[in-house]
Amino acid sequence: MSKKIPKISSTSDPESQGNQSVISLFCKSAFEAAEAWNRDKLDTEIA
């Protein structure tokens, strides 16, 4: 039973680094979209 388990959190792996940046970029854009949506919602409620 000497199966090689691939390391998921390997920083030397360029593919995992790419996925990490994609995930962080997605989170950032989603957060900004939510912020903008909340601002629009507040503006319409106040007006």
N, C-alpha and C. Protein backbone atom coordinates (compact mmCIF):
# COMPACT_ATOMS: atom_id res chain seq x y z
N MET A 1 0.84 -1.21 0.00
CA MET A 1 0.00 0.00 0.00
C MET A 1 0.87 1.25 0.00
N SER A 2 1.61 1.44 -1.05
CA SER A 2 2.46 2.63 -1.13
C SER A 2 1.97 3.52 -2.27
N LYS A 3 0.70 3.88 -2.19
CA LYS A 3 0.13 4.77 -3.22
C LYS A 3 0.62 6.19 -2.99
N LYS A 4 0.91 6.86 -4.07
CA LYS A 4 1.35 8.25 -3.96
C LYS A 4 0.12 9.16 -3.93
N ILE A 5 -0.02 9.89 -2.85
CA ILE A 5 -1.15 10.81 -2.72
C ILE A 5 -0.70 12.18 -3.23
N PRO A 6 -1.35 12.68 -4.26
CA PRO A 6 -0.97 13.99 -4.80
C PRO A 6 -1.24 15.11 -3.80
N LYS A 7 -0.24 15.94 -3.62
CA LYS A 7 -0.40 17.06 -2.69
C LYS A 7 -1.26 18.14 -3.35
N ILE A 8 -2.34 18.50 -2.68
CA ILE A 8 -3.25 19.50 -3.23
C ILE A 8 -2.71 20.91 -2.96
N SER A 9 -2.21 21.11 -1.74
CA SER A 9 -1.73 22.44 -1.36
C SER A 9 -0.24 22.58 -1.63
N SER A 10 0.18 22.22 -2.85
CA SER A 10 1.60 22.33 -3.21
C SER A 10 1.83 23.65 -3.92
N THR A 11 2.60 24.53 -3.30
CA THR A 11 2.83 25.85 -3.87
C THR A 11 3.79 25.79 -5.05
N SER A 12 4.61 24.72 -5.12
CA SER A 12 5.56 24.59 -6.23
C SER A 12 4.86 24.14 -7.51
N ASP A 13 3.62 23.65 -7.37
CA ASP A 13 2.86 23.19 -8.52
C ASP A 13 2.23 24.40 -9.21
N PRO A 14 2.61 24.70 -10.44
CA PRO A 14 2.09 25.89 -11.12
C PRO A 14 0.58 25.82 -11.35
N GLU A 15 0.05 24.61 -11.52
CA GLU A 15 -1.39 24.48 -11.76
C GLU A 15 -2.19 24.89 -10.53
N SER A 16 -1.73 24.44 -9.35
CA SER A 16 -2.44 24.78 -8.12
C SER A 16 -2.31 26.28 -7.84
N GLN A 17 -1.16 26.86 -8.19
CA GLN A 17 -1.00 28.31 -8.01
C GLN A 17 -1.97 29.06 -8.91
N GLY A 18 -2.13 28.57 -10.13
CA GLY A 18 -3.08 29.19 -11.06
C GLY A 18 -4.49 29.11 -10.53
N ASN A 19 -4.86 27.93 -10.01
CA ASN A 19 -6.19 27.76 -9.45
C ASN A 19 -6.39 28.70 -8.26
N GLN A 20 -5.36 28.86 -7.45
CA GLN A 20 -5.43 29.72 -6.28
C GLN A 20 -5.72 31.16 -6.69
N SER A 21 -5.02 31.64 -7.72
CA SER A 21 -5.22 33.02 -8.17
C SER A 21 -6.59 33.18 -8.81
N VAL A 22 -7.06 32.16 -9.50
CA VAL A 22 -8.40 32.21 -10.11
C VAL A 22 -9.46 32.29 -9.02
N ILE A 23 -9.27 31.49 -7.97
CA ILE A 23 -10.24 31.47 -6.86
C ILE A 23 -10.25 32.82 -6.15
N SER A 24 -9.06 33.37 -5.87
CA SER A 24 -8.99 34.66 -5.18
C SER A 24 -9.57 35.78 -6.05
N LEU A 25 -9.31 35.69 -7.36
CA LEU A 25 -9.85 36.69 -8.28
C LEU A 25 -11.37 36.60 -8.32
N PHE A 26 -11.90 35.37 -8.34
CA PHE A 26 -13.34 35.17 -8.37
C PHE A 26 -13.98 35.72 -7.09
N CYS A 27 -13.36 35.43 -5.95
CA CYS A 27 -13.88 35.91 -4.67
C CYS A 27 -13.88 37.44 -4.64
N LYS A 28 -12.79 38.03 -5.16
CA LYS A 28 -12.66 39.49 -5.16
C LYS A 28 -13.75 40.13 -6.01
N SER A 29 -13.96 39.59 -7.22
CA SER A 29 -14.96 40.16 -8.11
C SER A 29 -16.37 39.93 -7.56
N ALA A 30 -16.59 38.78 -6.94
CA ALA A 30 -17.91 38.49 -6.36
C ALA A 30 -18.18 39.44 -5.19
N PHE A 31 -17.15 39.69 -4.38
CA PHE A 31 -17.28 40.60 -3.24
C PHE A 31 -17.58 42.02 -3.72
N GLU A 32 -16.86 42.46 -4.76
CA GLU A 32 -17.08 43.80 -5.30
C GLU A 32 -18.48 43.93 -5.89
N ALA A 33 -18.94 42.87 -6.56
CA ALA A 33 -20.29 42.88 -7.13
C ALA A 33 -21.34 42.99 -6.02
N ALA A 34 -21.12 42.26 -4.93
CA ALA A 34 -22.05 42.30 -3.80
C ALA A 34 -22.05 43.69 -3.17
N GLU A 35 -20.88 44.29 -3.04
CA GLU A 35 -20.76 45.64 -2.48
C GLU A 35 -21.54 46.64 -3.35
N ALA A 36 -21.34 46.57 -4.65
CA ALA A 36 -22.02 47.48 -5.57
C ALA A 36 -23.53 47.26 -5.50
N TRP A 37 -23.96 46.00 -5.41
CA TRP A 37 -25.38 45.68 -5.35
C TRP A 37 -25.99 46.25 -4.08
N ASN A 38 -25.27 46.09 -2.95
CA ASN A 38 -25.75 46.62 -1.68
C ASN A 38 -25.86 48.15 -1.74
N ARG A 39 -24.89 48.79 -2.38
CA ARG A 39 -24.90 50.25 -2.48
C ARG A 39 -26.10 50.70 -3.31
N ASP A 40 -26.35 50.02 -4.43
CA ASP A 40 -27.50 50.36 -5.28
C ASP A 40 -28.80 50.17 -4.50
N LYS A 41 -28.88 49.10 -3.73
CA LYS A 41 -30.08 48.80 -2.97
C LYS A 41 -30.33 49.89 -1.93
N LEU A 42 -29.25 50.31 -1.25
CA LEU A 42 -29.38 51.36 -0.25
C LEU A 42 -29.81 52.67 -0.90
N ASP A 43 -29.22 53.00 -2.03
CA ASP A 43 -29.55 54.24 -2.73
C ASP A 43 -31.03 54.26 -3.11
N THR A 44 -31.55 53.15 -3.61
CA THR A 44 -32.95 53.13 -4.03
C THR A 44 -33.88 53.18 -2.82
N GLU A 45 -33.47 52.60 -1.69
CA GLU A 45 -34.30 52.62 -0.49
C GLU A 45 -34.36 54.03 0.10
N ILE A 46 -33.23 54.75 0.05
CA ILE A 46 -33.17 56.10 0.61
C ILE A 46 -33.98 57.06 -0.26
N ALA A 47 -33.83 56.94 -1.57
CA ALA A 47 -34.49 57.86 -2.50
C ALA A 47 -36.02 57.75 -2.41
